[in-house]
Structures are given as C-alpha cells and as structure tokens.
Amino acid sequence: MSYAESVPRKSPLVIGHRGAPGYRPEHSRSSYELALAMGVDAVEPDVVATKDGVLIVRHENEISGTTDVAEHPEFADRRTTKRVDGEALTGWFCEDFTWAELTTLRSRERLPEVRAASASFDGSQAILRLRDVLDIVREGSSEHGREIGVVLEVKHATYFASIGLDLAPLIARDLREAGWADGELPLIVESFESTVLAQLKSLGVAASYVYLIEAAGRPYDLLVAHGAAGQTYNEAVTASGLDALAGVVDGISVDKRMLLARGNTIVADAHARGLTVFTWTCRPENRFLAPEFRGAGGKSAYGDYEAEWGVIASTGVDGVFVDHPDLGVGFFRG
C-alpha cells in the first residue's frame, strides 16, 4: 500500500528528516545510513540543482551553512546576493557550481551551537546527489530486511525554473534511471509549491504527492502567478481549501505548530476528504519545542518532548518527520 493513501494508520510513519541530523550533519551519507539503521520507515532528501543539471541533496540552494565552501579560496568570487522566493540571501549557491566543483566540498553541521556532537563530523563527508540517496535507501532496504521509502522534497521549483533549471524533468530523469519512478518502490514527492507536483504527475512519475503547508504566508508559485490573490497556506487547510486539494494531491504535510494549536481539526478534516496528514518537525531540543514543553539546560538540552509529541500523536496524524530517528521510532511506535 502507498505511504500516502488515505487509510489512517495505527501509528504514524516515522520519516528521517534529512537522515538523522540530530546526530550527523544533515544530508550526509552517515546521516542517511544511521537513520536506516535506527528503523525509520522512510528518509527525506531535499533536492536542488547544480549549474550543469545534477540534482544534489541540500536543505537550501545557498550552501555556506552546510558545507565548507567559504574555506575554498578558489570559490571566493562566487559569493553573491540573490533573491530566492522573494527573500534576499547572501552566500554561495549550488546553481553557480558544476557537480565536479561541488565534489571538492565537504559537509558540515548546520546548527553547531545546538548539535555540537554532530559538528564533530564536519569536513569528513562529501555532498550527495539524489541518485546516491536513492541507492543508499535501496541497498539499506536489502541490508535491513524491510521496505524503506523516500520522501523527496522539491525545493524552490519556481526560482529554479526562472533561471533555466526546470526541476521536474531532472527529477523524473533521476528517478527513472534509478528505478524509483514506476511505483515498485515506496516514493512520496512533496513540495511547498503545488505547481511542480502537478508537473511531476504529468511526467508519469508514480508516487504519492503531498502538499507542504507552512503555518503562515503564501506559496511562492501562487504568489508569482496570482500576486496577493494567490491562496495562502492557512486558506489551504480550510474546508473549501481541503475540498480543492482532494483528488489533486494525496495528502498534506503541515507545520507542527498547526497541530499543536488548541482546537484544531486539520487531521480529521483532511481524513474526511481522503487526504493523509504528515507533520514536521519533531525535535527534542528546547530550541525547537513549543514554549510550554521547554525545560532547563539551555537550547540544546532536551525538554519535555514526549509531552509535545503526545499531543501531535493524539491528532491521528499519519506521518512525522524526526531529526532523531531512534527517539521517533521509540515514541511513535511504542
């Protein structure tokens, strides 16, 4: 059965968010391999593109926070300021590099002030392509003797299209070449932009399609297409918004703050329309917990995460993204 079918699960899918970034630099090989070993149902790679059309896994196309690019004098002149999804960002951007150039960089922890142990692995691992992650998961499924899925997040599709790098055909190409596009392996495709989900569907990629929803704001593709008339994220989870999504996507994935809000009925409302619901991101550190669940010891210490996760689980959510797969598996399958 597809991971995003509308039949409610007794316990939610546990999805390793960029692997196991609570313990290893996100999107690194060791992060994914650790997540698989810790028992996740799936892992989530974020996909962006290089200048020469190679899909890599990075949280953002601006790579100075997750690589050592700033320490490479040969790339000093690539530092620039761009507007991505309407926001000005300064740094180094993957679309200004070829894949061959990016192979000279090494990964680093994005949040070293919170995850110092993970930062101890800085500089030891190369950037991965999407193809690499697909192969890691296929091999890991065989090694661990269970079916493990991929939840592929498409990042900044409208922006990349504006610079001549259409992500949908590149993603379809890699999925087909890796044997992940025909429905034999558990694949979910998600994005904050519904336009690219429709494009991938039209290209015949057999997957479950999930619409990512922020707690506030408006998707960039709809902002570009419709301006202030474009639907907001909050409008997407109203009764009429969910009615419009039913049959177009298989599910939604919402900011956990929306499920923690008192009196919300998002999961029940979505289920009533045949939509599954995922949520992001379940993390144990005080920095990421809702205020009422924080404890002593500073932002890197664990708070009362089990209480927060209990509220999330009580909504009947179908899938949770976690940074610490062992904690997620232990709690949500317990």
C-alpha atoms as a PDB file:
ATOM      1  CA  MET A   1       0.000   0.000   0.000  1.00  0.00           C
ATOM      2  CA  SER A   2       1.245   3.506  -0.810  1.00  0.00           C
ATOM      3  CA  TYR A   3       2.549   5.524   2.119  1.00  0.00           C
ATOM      4  CA  ALA A   4       0.160   8.400   1.405  1.00  0.00           C
ATOM      5  CA  GLU A   5      -3.087   6.500   0.922  1.00  0.00           C
ATOM      6  CA  SER A   6      -5.988   7.755   2.960  1.00  0.00           C
ATOM      7  CA  VAL A   7      -6.420   4.777   5.314  1.00  0.00           C
ATOM      8  CA  PRO A   8      -5.479   6.055   8.818  1.00  0.00           C
ATOM      9  CA  ARG A   9      -2.528   4.275  10.391  1.00  0.00           C
ATOM     10  CA  LYS A  10      -2.436   2.882  13.921  1.00  0.00           C
ATOM     11  CA  SER A  11       0.931   4.585  14.366  1.00  0.00           C
ATOM     12  CA  PRO A  12       2.397   7.286  12.138  1.00  0.00           C
ATOM     13  CA  LEU A  13       5.152   6.728   9.634  1.00  0.00           C
ATOM     14  CA  VAL A  14       8.487   7.800  11.110  1.00  0.00           C
ATOM     15  CA  ILE A  15      10.456   9.703   8.485  1.00  0.00           C
ATOM     16  CA  GLY A  16      14.136  10.545   8.940  1.00  0.00           C
ATOM     17  CA  HIS A  17      14.212  14.261   8.162  1.00  0.00           C
ATOM     18  CA  ARG A  18      17.345  14.661   6.008  1.00  0.00           C
ATOM     19  CA  GLY A  19      18.523  11.381   7.513  1.00  0.00           C
ATOM     20  CA  ALA A  20      19.405  11.530  11.197  1.00  0.00           C
ATOM     21  CA  PRO A  21      20.526  15.179  11.587  1.00  0.00           C
ATOM     22  CA  GLY A  22      20.238  15.079  15.350  1.00  0.00           C
ATOM     23  CA  TYR A  23      23.429  13.009  15.283  1.00  0.00           C
ATOM     24  CA  ARG A  24      25.195  13.609  11.937  1.00  0.00           C
ATOM     25  CA  PRO A  25      25.402  16.551   9.505  1.00  0.00           C
ATOM     26  CA  GLU A  26      22.164  16.601   7.526  1.00  0.00           C
ATOM     27  CA  HIS A  27      22.066  15.012   4.073  1.00  0.00           C
ATOM     28  CA  SER A  28      25.401  13.272   4.634  1.00  0.00           C
ATOM     29  CA  ARG A  29      25.904   9.591   3.883  1.00  0.00           C
ATOM     30  CA  SER A  30      26.322   8.754   7.560  1.00  0.00           C
ATOM     31  CA  SER A  31      23.134  10.679   8.395  1.00  0.00           C
ATOM     32  CA  TYR A  32      21.080   8.567   5.989  1.00  0.00           C
ATOM     33  CA  GLU A  33      22.744   5.277   6.915  1.00  0.00           C
ATOM     34  CA  LEU A  34      22.197   5.939  10.629  1.00  0.00           C
ATOM     35  CA  ALA A  35      18.514   6.728  10.032  1.00  0.00           C
ATOM     36  CA  LEU A  36      18.039   3.445   8.182  1.00  0.00           C
ATOM     37  CA  ALA A  37      19.810   1.527  10.959  1.00  0.00           C
ATOM     38  CA  MET A  38      17.597   3.206  13.583  1.00  0.00           C
ATOM     39  CA  GLY A  39      14.445   1.851  11.966  1.00  0.00           C
ATOM     40  CA  VAL A  40      12.808   4.679  10.023  1.00  0.00           C
ATOM     41  CA  ASP A  41      10.036   3.952   7.546  1.00  0.00           C
ATOM     42  CA  ALA A  42      11.480   6.471   5.090  1.00  0.00           C
ATOM     43  CA  VAL A  43      14.039   9.254   4.728  1.00  0.00           C
ATOM     44  CA  GLU A  44      13.576  12.731   3.314  1.00  0.00           C
ATOM     45  CA  PRO A  45      16.091  14.271   0.900  1.00  0.00           C
ATOM     46  CA  ASP A  46      15.707  17.930  -0.160  1.00  0.00           C
ATOM     47  CA  VAL A  47      16.535  18.378  -3.849  1.00  0.00           C
ATOM     48  CA  VAL A  48      18.222  21.324  -5.588  1.00  0.00           C
ATOM     49  CA  ALA A  49      20.222  21.563  -8.833  1.00  0.00           C
ATOM     50  CA  THR A  50      23.737  22.415  -9.980  1.00  0.00           C
ATOM     51  CA  LYS A  51      24.668  24.597 -12.948  1.00  0.00           C
ATOM     52  CA  ASP A  52      25.020  21.505 -15.126  1.00  0.00           C
ATOM     53  CA  GLY A  53      21.691  19.950 -14.123  1.00  0.00           C
ATOM     54  CA  VAL A  54      22.840  17.472 -11.466  1.00  0.00           C
ATOM     55  CA  LEU A  55      20.391  17.066  -8.598  1.00  0.00           C
ATOM     56  CA  ILE A  56      22.006  17.239  -5.174  1.00  0.00           C
ATOM     57  CA  VAL A  57      20.575  16.969  -1.671  1.00  0.00           C
ATOM     58  CA  ARG A  58      20.838  20.169   0.360  1.00  0.00           C
ATOM     59  CA  HIS A  59      18.409  21.943   2.662  1.00  0.00           C
ATOM     60  CA  GLU A  60      18.790  25.099   0.566  1.00  0.00           C
ATOM     61  CA  ASN A  61      20.463  26.173  -2.651  1.00  0.00           C
ATOM     62  CA  GLU A  62      22.574  28.543  -0.520  1.00  0.00           C
ATOM     63  CA  ILE A  63      25.269  26.157   0.714  1.00  0.00           C
ATOM     64  CA  SER A  64      27.560  28.111   3.055  1.00  0.00           C
ATOM     65  CA  GLY A  65      25.701  26.875   6.142  1.00  0.00           C
ATOM     66  CA  THR A  66      26.065  23.190   5.318  1.00  0.00           C
ATOM     67  CA  THR A  67      29.424  22.981   3.510  1.00  0.00           C
ATOM     68  CA  ASP A  68      32.970  24.320   3.811  1.00  0.00           C
ATOM     69  CA  VAL A  69      32.668  26.388   0.615  1.00  0.00           C
ATOM     70  CA  ALA A  70      33.715  29.588   2.417  1.00  0.00           C
ATOM     71  CA  GLU A  71      37.091  27.980   3.158  1.00  0.00           C
ATOM     72  CA  HIS A  72      37.851  27.404  -0.543  1.00  0.00           C
ATOM     73  CA  PRO A  73      39.705  30.467  -1.880  1.00  0.00           C
ATOM     74  CA  GLU A  74      39.178  29.276  -5.444  1.00  0.00           C
ATOM     75  CA  PHE A  75      35.448  29.896  -4.978  1.00  0.00           C
ATOM     76  CA  ALA A  76      35.667  33.259  -3.173  1.00  0.00           C
ATOM     77  CA  ASP A  77      34.414  35.142  -6.215  1.00  0.00           C
ATOM     78  CA  ARG A  78      31.235  33.048  -6.337  1.00  0.00           C
ATOM     79  CA  ARG A  79      29.878  34.708  -3.194  1.00  0.00           C
ATOM     80  CA  THR A  80      26.887  36.795  -4.184  1.00  0.00           C
ATOM     81  CA  THR A  81      23.457  38.067  -3.176  1.00  0.00           C
ATOM     82  CA  LYS A  82      20.304  36.696  -4.806  1.00  0.00           C
ATOM     83  CA  ARG A  83      16.577  36.851  -4.264  1.00  0.00           C
ATOM     84  CA  VAL A  84      15.192  33.359  -3.702  1.00  0.00           C
ATOM     85  CA  ASP A  85      11.431  33.109  -3.259  1.00  0.00           C
ATOM     86  CA  GLY A  86      11.384  36.848  -2.718  1.00  0.00           C
ATOM     87  CA  GLU A  87      13.998  36.834   0.057  1.00  0.00           C
ATOM     88  CA  ALA A  88      17.467  38.360  -0.308  1.00  0.00           C
ATOM     89  CA  LEU A  89      20.200  35.846   0.563  1.00  0.00           C
ATOM     90  CA  THR A  90      23.975  36.278   0.512  1.00  0.00           C
ATOM     91  CA  GLY A  91      26.360  33.372   0.146  1.00  0.00           C
ATOM     92  CA  TRP A  92      27.297  30.637  -2.283  1.00  0.00           C
ATOM     93  CA  PHE A  93      24.609  28.975  -4.397  1.00  0.00           C
ATOM     94  CA  CYS A  94      24.657  25.463  -5.810  1.00  0.00           C
ATOM     95  CA  GLU A  95      23.379  26.633  -9.206  1.00  0.00           C
ATOM     96  CA  ASP A  96      26.615  28.593  -9.680  1.00  0.00           C
ATOM     97  CA  PHE A  97      28.724  25.419  -9.446  1.00  0.00           C
ATOM     98  CA  THR A  98      29.165  22.356 -11.589  1.00  0.00           C
ATOM     99  CA  TRP A  99      28.827  18.972  -9.951  1.00  0.00           C
ATOM    100  CA  ALA A 100      32.561  18.398 -10.421  1.00  0.00           C
ATOM    101  CA  GLU A 101      33.288  21.560  -8.437  1.00  0.00           C
ATOM    102  CA  LEU A 102      30.893  20.603  -5.651  1.00  0.00           C
ATOM    103  CA  THR A 103      32.614  17.246  -5.197  1.00  0.00           C
ATOM    104  CA  THR A 104      35.568  19.162  -3.705  1.00  0.00           C
ATOM    105  CA  LEU A 105      33.418  20.454  -0.821  1.00  0.00           C
ATOM    106  CA  ARG A 106      32.662  18.714   2.457  1.00  0.00           C
ATOM    107  CA  SER A 107      29.541  18.741   4.621  1.00  0.00           C
ATOM    108  CA  ARG A 108      29.206  20.445   7.975  1.00  0.00           C
ATOM    109  CA  GLU A 109      26.622  20.715  10.738  1.00  0.00           C
ATOM    110  CA  ARG A 110      24.069  23.490  10.076  1.00  0.00           C
ATOM    111  CA  LEU A 111      23.311  24.073  13.792  1.00  0.00           C
ATOM    112  CA  PRO A 112      26.630  23.605  15.630  1.00  0.00           C
ATOM    113  CA  GLU A 113      25.508  25.706  18.591  1.00  0.00           C
ATOM    114  CA  VAL A 114      22.704  23.186  19.227  1.00  0.00           C
ATOM    115  CA  ARG A 115      24.288  19.980  17.920  1.00  0.00           C
ATOM    116  CA  ALA A 116      27.951  20.078  18.841  1.00  0.00           C
ATOM    117  CA  ALA A 117      28.337  16.299  18.669  1.00  0.00           C
ATOM    118  CA  SER A 118      27.147  16.286  15.076  1.00  0.00           C
ATOM    119  CA  ALA A 119      29.564  19.106  14.284  1.00  0.00           C
ATOM    120  CA  SER A 120      32.426  16.787  15.251  1.00  0.00           C
ATOM    121  CA  PHE A 121      31.835  15.087  11.884  1.00  0.00           C
ATOM    122  CA  ASP A 122      32.392  18.317   9.935  1.00  0.00           C
ATOM    123  CA  GLY A 123      34.697  18.035   6.961  1.00  0.00           C
ATOM    124  CA  SER A 124      34.582  14.263   6.657  1.00  0.00           C
ATOM    125  CA  GLN A 125      31.843  13.671   4.088  1.00  0.00           C
ATOM    126  CA  ALA A 126      31.138  14.742   0.521  1.00  0.00           C
ATOM    127  CA  ILE A 127      27.910  16.183  -0.862  1.00  0.00           C
ATOM    128  CA  LEU A 128      25.478  13.558  -2.158  1.00  0.00           C
ATOM    129  CA  ARG A 129      23.453  13.516  -5.345  1.00  0.00           C
ATOM    130  CA  LEU A 130      19.828  12.439  -5.330  1.00  0.00           C
ATOM    131  CA  ARG A 131      20.958   9.304  -7.148  1.00  0.00           C
ATOM    132  CA  ASP A 132      23.289   8.493  -4.246  1.00  0.00           C
ATOM    133  CA  VAL A 133      20.472   8.714  -1.706  1.00  0.00           C
ATOM    134  CA  LEU A 134      18.168   6.550  -3.828  1.00  0.00           C
ATOM    135  CA  ASP A 135      20.895   3.914  -3.995  1.00  0.00           C
ATOM    136  CA  ILE A 136      21.599   4.142  -0.249  1.00  0.00           C
ATOM    137  CA  VAL A 137      17.930   3.529   0.531  1.00  0.00           C
ATOM    138  CA  ARG A 138      17.587   0.653  -1.926  1.00  0.00           C
ATOM    139  CA  GLU A 139      20.709  -1.014  -0.513  1.00  0.00           C
ATOM    140  CA  GLY A 140      19.624  -0.263   3.045  1.00  0.00           C
ATOM    141  CA  SER A 141      16.241  -1.880   2.472  1.00  0.00           C
ATOM    142  CA  SER A 142      18.019  -5.049   1.427  1.00  0.00           C
ATOM    143  CA  GLU A 143      20.531  -4.892   4.270  1.00  0.00           C
ATOM    144  CA  HIS A 144      17.921  -4.312   6.984  1.00  0.00           C
ATOM    145  CA  GLY A 145      15.330  -6.666   5.526  1.00  0.00           C
ATOM    146  CA  ARG A 146      12.442  -4.222   5.301  1.00  0.00           C
ATOM    147  CA  GLU A 147      10.939  -1.848   2.759  1.00  0.00           C
ATOM    148  CA  ILE A 148      12.173   1.714   3.293  1.00  0.00           C
ATOM    149  CA  GLY A 149      10.790   4.647   1.379  1.00  0.00           C
ATOM    150  CA  VAL A 150      11.932   8.022   0.094  1.00  0.00           C
ATOM    151  CA  VAL A 151      10.051  11.275   0.711  1.00  0.00           C
ATOM    152  CA  LEU A 152      11.553  13.582  -1.894  1.00  0.00           C
ATOM    153  CA  GLU A 153      11.130  17.313  -1.229  1.00  0.00           C
ATOM    154  CA  VAL A 154      11.397  19.607  -4.251  1.00  0.00           C
ATOM    155  CA  LYS A 155      12.938  22.931  -3.209  1.00  0.00           C
ATOM    156  CA  HIS A 156      12.407  26.338  -4.863  1.00  0.00           C
ATOM    157  CA  ALA A 157      10.992  24.997  -8.126  1.00  0.00           C
ATOM    158  CA  THR A 158       9.671  28.357  -9.350  1.00  0.00           C
ATOM    159  CA  TYR A 159      13.001  30.038  -8.647  1.00  0.00           C
ATOM    160  CA  PHE A 160      14.992  27.327 -10.428  1.00  0.00           C
ATOM    161  CA  ALA A 161      12.665  27.477 -13.445  1.00  0.00           C
ATOM    162  CA  SER A 162      13.267  31.241 -13.613  1.00  0.00           C
ATOM    163  CA  ILE A 163      17.000  30.635 -14.152  1.00  0.00           C
ATOM    164  CA  GLY A 164      16.506  27.897 -16.727  1.00  0.00           C
ATOM    165  CA  LEU A 165      16.740  24.861 -14.463  1.00  0.00           C
ATOM    166  CA  ASP A 166      13.350  23.144 -14.527  1.00  0.00           C
ATOM    167  CA  LEU A 167      13.470  20.651 -11.686  1.00  0.00           C
ATOM    168  CA  ALA A 168      10.573  18.376 -12.687  1.00  0.00           C
ATOM    169  CA  PRO A 169      12.217  16.803 -15.781  1.00  0.00           C
ATOM    170  CA  LEU A 170      15.526  16.466 -13.931  1.00  0.00           C
ATOM    171  CA  ILE A 171      13.807  14.686 -11.044  1.00  0.00           C
ATOM    172  CA  ALA A 172      11.861  12.423 -13.405  1.00  0.00           C
ATOM    173  CA  ARG A 173      15.112  11.565 -15.182  1.00  0.00           C
ATOM    174  CA  ASP A 174      16.935  10.577 -11.992  1.00  0.00           C
ATOM    175  CA  LEU A 175      14.005   8.623 -10.600  1.00  0.00           C
ATOM    176  CA  ARG A 176      13.636   6.649 -13.819  1.00  0.00           C
ATOM    177  CA  GLU A 177      17.339   5.929 -14.116  1.00  0.00           C
ATOM    178  CA  ALA A 178      17.419   4.722 -10.500  1.00  0.00           C
ATOM    179  CA  GLY A 179      14.279   2.581 -10.834  1.00  0.00           C
ATOM    180  CA  TRP A 180      12.169   4.699  -8.477  1.00  0.00           C
ATOM    181  CA  ALA A 181       9.620   6.156 -10.928  1.00  0.00           C
ATOM    182  CA  ASP A 182       7.406   3.163 -11.722  1.00  0.00           C
ATOM    183  CA  GLY A 183       5.704   2.568  -8.390  1.00  0.00           C
ATOM    184  CA  GLU A 184       7.623  -0.534  -7.337  1.00  0.00           C
ATOM    185  CA  LEU A 185       9.402   1.276  -4.521  1.00  0.00           C
ATOM    186  CA  PRO A 186       7.691   3.477  -1.877  1.00  0.00           C
ATOM    187  CA  LEU A 187       8.046   7.054  -3.103  1.00  0.00           C
ATOM    188  CA  ILE A 188       6.396  10.249  -1.897  1.00  0.00           C
ATOM    189  CA  VAL A 189       7.049  13.598  -3.583  1.00  0.00           C
ATOM    190  CA  GLU A 190       6.372  16.754  -1.585  1.00  0.00           C
ATOM    191  CA  SER A 191       6.747  20.479  -2.109  1.00  0.00           C
ATOM    192  CA  PHE A 192       5.535  23.824  -0.794  1.00  0.00           C
ATOM    193  CA  GLU A 193       4.716  24.592  -4.432  1.00  0.00           C
ATOM    194  CA  SER A 194       1.798  22.631  -5.885  1.00  0.00           C
ATOM    195  CA  THR A 195       2.770  23.575  -9.444  1.00  0.00           C
ATOM    196  CA  VAL A 196       5.826  21.303  -9.508  1.00  0.00           C
ATOM    197  CA  LEU A 197       3.813  18.435  -8.031  1.00  0.00           C
ATOM    198  CA  ALA A 198       1.414  18.719 -10.983  1.00  0.00           C
ATOM    199  CA  GLN A 199       4.360  18.819 -13.384  1.00  0.00           C
ATOM    200  CA  LEU A 200       5.837  15.608 -11.994  1.00  0.00           C
ATOM    201  CA  LYS A 201       2.455  13.903 -12.122  1.00  0.00           C
ATOM    202  CA  SER A 202       2.123  14.903 -15.781  1.00  0.00           C
ATOM    203  CA  LEU A 203       5.529  13.349 -16.477  1.00  0.00           C
ATOM    204  CA  GLY A 204       4.215  10.000 -15.268  1.00  0.00           C
ATOM    205  CA  VAL A 205       6.188   9.657 -12.038  1.00  0.00           C
ATOM    206  CA  ALA A 206       4.320   7.037  -9.996  1.00  0.00           C
ATOM    207  CA  ALA A 207       4.348   8.441  -6.464  1.00  0.00           C
ATOM    208  CA  SER A 208       2.144   9.754  -3.713  1.00  0.00           C
ATOM    209  CA  TYR A 209       2.003  13.550  -3.825  1.00  0.00           C
ATOM    210  CA  VAL A 210       1.973  15.634  -0.660  1.00  0.00           C
ATOM    211  CA  TYR A 211       1.474  19.398  -0.387  1.00  0.00           C
ATOM    212  CA  LEU A 212       3.669  21.037   2.248  1.00  0.00           C
ATOM    213  CA  ILE A 213       1.981  23.777   4.269  1.00  0.00           C
ATOM    214  CA  GLU A 214       3.605  26.486   6.360  1.00  0.00           C
ATOM    215  CA  ALA A 215       1.914  27.948   9.430  1.00  0.00           C
ATOM    216  CA  ALA A 216       1.716  31.355   7.701  1.00  0.00           C
ATOM    217  CA  GLY A 217       2.369  33.017   4.362  1.00  0.00           C
ATOM    218  CA  ARG A 218       1.659  32.128   0.737  1.00  0.00           C
ATOM    219  CA  PRO A 219       3.373  29.646  -1.618  1.00  0.00           C
ATOM    220  CA  TYR A 220       5.845  31.341  -3.933  1.00  0.00           C
ATOM    221  CA  ASP A 221       4.470  29.748  -7.105  1.00  0.00           C
ATOM    222  CA  LEU A 222       0.994  31.094  -6.362  1.00  0.00           C
ATOM    223  CA  LEU A 223       2.404  34.485  -5.404  1.00  0.00           C
ATOM    224  CA  VAL A 224       4.185  34.712  -8.768  1.00  0.00           C
ATOM    225  CA  ALA A 225       1.113  33.539 -10.680  1.00  0.00           C
ATOM    226  CA  HIS A 226      -1.608  35.423  -8.823  1.00  0.00           C
ATOM    227  CA  GLY A 227       0.005  38.023  -6.568  1.00  0.00           C
ATOM    228  CA  ALA A 228      -1.961  38.849  -3.435  1.00  0.00           C
ATOM    229  CA  ALA A 229      -4.910  36.862  -4.820  1.00  0.00           C
ATOM    230  CA  GLY A 230      -2.941  33.619  -4.544  1.00  0.00           C
ATOM    231  CA  GLN A 231      -4.207  31.203  -1.913  1.00  0.00           C
ATOM    232  CA  THR A 232      -2.447  31.380   1.446  1.00  0.00           C
ATOM    233  CA  TYR A 233      -1.282  28.324   3.344  1.00  0.00           C
ATOM    234  CA  ASN A 234      -3.921  28.878   6.017  1.00  0.00           C
ATOM    235  CA  GLU A 235      -6.632  29.014   3.369  1.00  0.00           C
ATOM    236  CA  ALA A 236      -5.455  25.617   2.091  1.00  0.00           C
ATOM    237  CA  VAL A 237      -6.499  23.914   5.348  1.00  0.00           C
ATOM    238  CA  THR A 238      -9.986  25.425   5.489  1.00  0.00           C
ATOM    239  CA  ALA A 239     -12.927  23.263   4.445  1.00  0.00           C
ATOM    240  CA  SER A 240     -13.007  24.778   0.959  1.00  0.00           C
ATOM    241  CA  GLY A 241      -9.228  24.585   0.636  1.00  0.00           C
ATOM    242  CA  LEU A 242      -9.156  20.905   1.548  1.00  0.00           C
ATOM    243  CA  ASP A 243     -12.081  20.251  -0.794  1.00  0.00           C
ATOM    244  CA  ALA A 244      -9.983  21.699  -3.634  1.00  0.00           C
ATOM    245  CA  LEU A 245      -6.957  19.570  -2.737  1.00  0.00           C
ATOM    246  CA  ALA A 246      -8.887  16.289  -2.576  1.00  0.00           C
ATOM    247  CA  GLY A 247      -8.177  14.295  -5.705  1.00  0.00           C
ATOM    248  CA  VAL A 248      -5.371  16.655  -6.729  1.00  0.00           C
ATOM    249  CA  VAL A 249      -2.826  15.553  -4.098  1.00  0.00           C
ATOM    250  CA  ASP A 250      -2.751  12.511  -1.841  1.00  0.00           C
ATOM    251  CA  GLY A 251      -2.005  14.364   1.355  1.00  0.00           C
ATOM    252  CA  ILE A 252      -0.773  17.439   3.155  1.00  0.00           C
ATOM    253  CA  SER A 253       2.197  17.977   5.455  1.00  0.00           C
ATOM    254  CA  VAL A 254       1.773  20.780   7.963  1.00  0.00           C
ATOM    255  CA  ASP A 255       3.984  22.704  10.352  1.00  0.00           C
ATOM    256  CA  LYS A 256       3.601  21.019  13.748  1.00  0.00           C
ATOM    257  CA  ARG A 257       2.519  24.335  15.261  1.00  0.00           C
ATOM    258  CA  MET A 258      -0.744  23.966  13.358  1.00  0.00           C
ATOM    259  CA  LEU A 259      -1.436  20.632  15.074  1.00  0.00           C
ATOM    260  CA  LEU A 260      -0.416  21.980  18.481  1.00  0.00           C
ATOM    261  CA  ALA A 261      -2.885  24.857  18.195  1.00  0.00           C
ATOM    262  CA  ARG A 262      -5.755  24.313  20.601  1.00  0.00           C
ATOM    263  CA  GLY A 263      -8.979  23.179  18.966  1.00  0.00           C
ATOM    264  CA  ASN A 264      -7.548  22.497  15.511  1.00  0.00           C
ATOM    265  CA  THR A 265      -9.312  19.823  13.438  1.00  0.00           C
ATOM    266  CA  ILE A 266      -6.906  19.648  10.500  1.00  0.00           C
ATOM    267  CA  VAL A 267      -6.248  15.904  10.637  1.00  0.00           C
ATOM    268  CA  ALA A 268      -9.901  14.940  10.996  1.00  0.00           C
ATOM    269  CA  ASP A 269     -10.937  17.389   8.283  1.00  0.00           C
ATOM    270  CA  ALA A 270      -8.286  16.085   5.882  1.00  0.00           C
ATOM    271  CA  HIS A 271      -9.108  12.443   6.606  1.00  0.00           C
ATOM    272  CA  ALA A 272     -12.757  13.138   5.899  1.00  0.00           C
ATOM    273  CA  ARG A 273     -11.714  14.160   2.395  1.00  0.00           C
ATOM    274  CA  GLY A 274      -9.418  11.191   1.791  1.00  0.00           C
ATOM    275  CA  LEU A 275      -6.206  13.100   2.461  1.00  0.00           C
ATOM    276  CA  THR A 276      -3.393  11.890   4.682  1.00  0.00           C
ATOM    277  CA  VAL A 277      -1.602  14.286   7.034  1.00  0.00           C
ATOM    278  CA  PHE A 278       2.082  14.439   7.896  1.00  0.00           C
ATOM    279  CA  THR A 279       3.752  16.957  10.203  1.00  0.00           C
ATOM    280  CA  TRP A 280       7.215  18.488  10.645  1.00  0.00           C
ATOM    281  CA  THR A 281       9.481  18.528  12.506  1.00  0.00           C
ATOM    282  CA  CYS A 282       9.554  16.573  15.787  1.00  0.00           C
ATOM    283  CA  ARG A 283      12.748  17.526  17.633  1.00  0.00           C
ATOM    284  CA  PRO A 284      13.573  17.051  21.313  1.00  0.00           C
ATOM    285  CA  GLU A 285      15.756  20.114  21.971  1.00  0.00           C
ATOM    286  CA  ASN A 286      14.355  23.084  23.854  1.00  0.00           C
ATOM    287  CA  ARG A 287      15.123  25.380  20.931  1.00  0.00           C
ATOM    288  CA  PHE A 288      12.531  23.623  18.784  1.00  0.00           C
ATOM    289  CA  LEU A 289       9.832  22.779  21.313  1.00  0.00           C
ATOM    290  CA  ALA A 290       6.714  24.840  21.891  1.00  0.00           C
ATOM    291  CA  PRO A 291       7.316  27.105  24.937  1.00  0.00           C
ATOM    292  CA  GLU A 292       5.153  25.079  27.319  1.00  0.00           C
ATOM    293  CA  PHE A 293       7.300  21.981  26.733  1.00  0.00           C
ATOM    294  CA  ARG A 294      10.739  23.541  27.240  1.00  0.00           C
ATOM    295  CA  GLY A 295      12.880  22.669  30.231  1.00  0.00           C
ATOM    296  CA  ALA A 296      16.109  23.675  31.922  1.00  0.00           C
ATOM    297  CA  GLY A 297      19.602  23.417  30.491  1.00  0.00           C
ATOM    298  CA  GLY A 298      19.544  25.793  27.549  1.00  0.00           C
ATOM    299  CA  LYS A 299      18.517  25.494  23.917  1.00  0.00           C
ATOM    300  CA  SER A 300      20.496  22.304  23.181  1.00  0.00           C
ATOM    301  CA  ALA A 301      19.103  20.370  26.175  1.00  0.00           C
ATOM    302  CA  TYR A 302      16.147  18.057  25.726  1.00  0.00           C
ATOM    303  CA  GLY A 303      12.860  19.377  27.056  1.00  0.00           C
ATOM    304  CA  ASP A 304       9.619  17.506  27.630  1.00  0.00           C
ATOM    305  CA  TYR A 305       9.490  16.412  24.013  1.00  0.00           C
ATOM    306  CA  GLU A 306       7.399  13.351  24.806  1.00  0.00           C
ATOM    307  CA  ALA A 307       4.571  15.574  26.040  1.00  0.00           C
ATOM    308  CA  GLU A 308       4.669  17.633  22.854  1.00  0.00           C
ATOM    309  CA  TRP A 309       4.864  14.563  20.645  1.00  0.00           C
ATOM    310  CA  GLY A 310       1.956  13.043  22.581  1.00  0.00           C
ATOM    311  CA  VAL A 311      -0.249  15.973  21.612  1.00  0.00           C
ATOM    312  CA  ILE A 312       0.800  15.518  17.981  1.00  0.00           C
ATOM    313  CA  ALA A 313       0.162  11.756  18.059  1.00  0.00           C
ATOM    314  CA  SER A 314      -3.271  12.278  19.613  1.00  0.00           C
ATOM    315  CA  THR A 315      -4.437  14.098  16.480  1.00  0.00           C
ATOM    316  CA  GLY A 316      -4.232  10.856  14.471  1.00  0.00           C
ATOM    317  CA  VAL A 317      -1.511  12.176  12.180  1.00  0.00           C
ATOM    318  CA  ASP A 318      -0.283   9.703   9.546  1.00  0.00           C
ATOM    319  CA  GLY A 319       3.415  10.584   9.430  1.00  0.00           C
ATOM    320  CA  VAL A 320       6.012  12.531  11.416  1.00  0.00           C
ATOM    321  CA  PHE A 321       9.359  13.922  10.369  1.00  0.00           C
ATOM    322  CA  VAL A 322      12.036  13.462  13.023  1.00  0.00           C
ATOM    323  CA  ASP A 323      15.661  14.541  13.437  1.00  0.00           C
ATOM    324  CA  HIS A 324      16.443  11.793  15.973  1.00  0.00           C
ATOM    325  CA  PRO A 325      15.137   8.566  14.417  1.00  0.00           C
ATOM    326  CA  ASP A 326      15.763   6.398  17.468  1.00  0.00           C
ATOM    327  CA  LEU A 327      13.647   8.699  19.648  1.00  0.00           C
ATOM    328  CA  GLY A 328      10.965   8.946  16.976  1.00  0.00           C
ATOM    329  CA  VAL A 329      10.735   5.195  16.459  1.00  0.00           C
ATOM    330  CA  GLY A 330      10.748   4.585  20.206  1.00  0.00           C
ATOM    331  CA  PHE A 331       7.984   7.073  20.908  1.00  0.00           C
ATOM    332  CA  PHE A 332       5.617   6.825  17.968  1.00  0.00           C
ATOM    333  CA  ARG A 333       5.787   3.037  17.716  1.00  0.00           C
ATOM    334  CA  GLY A 334       5.767   2.479  21.445  1.00  0.00           C
END
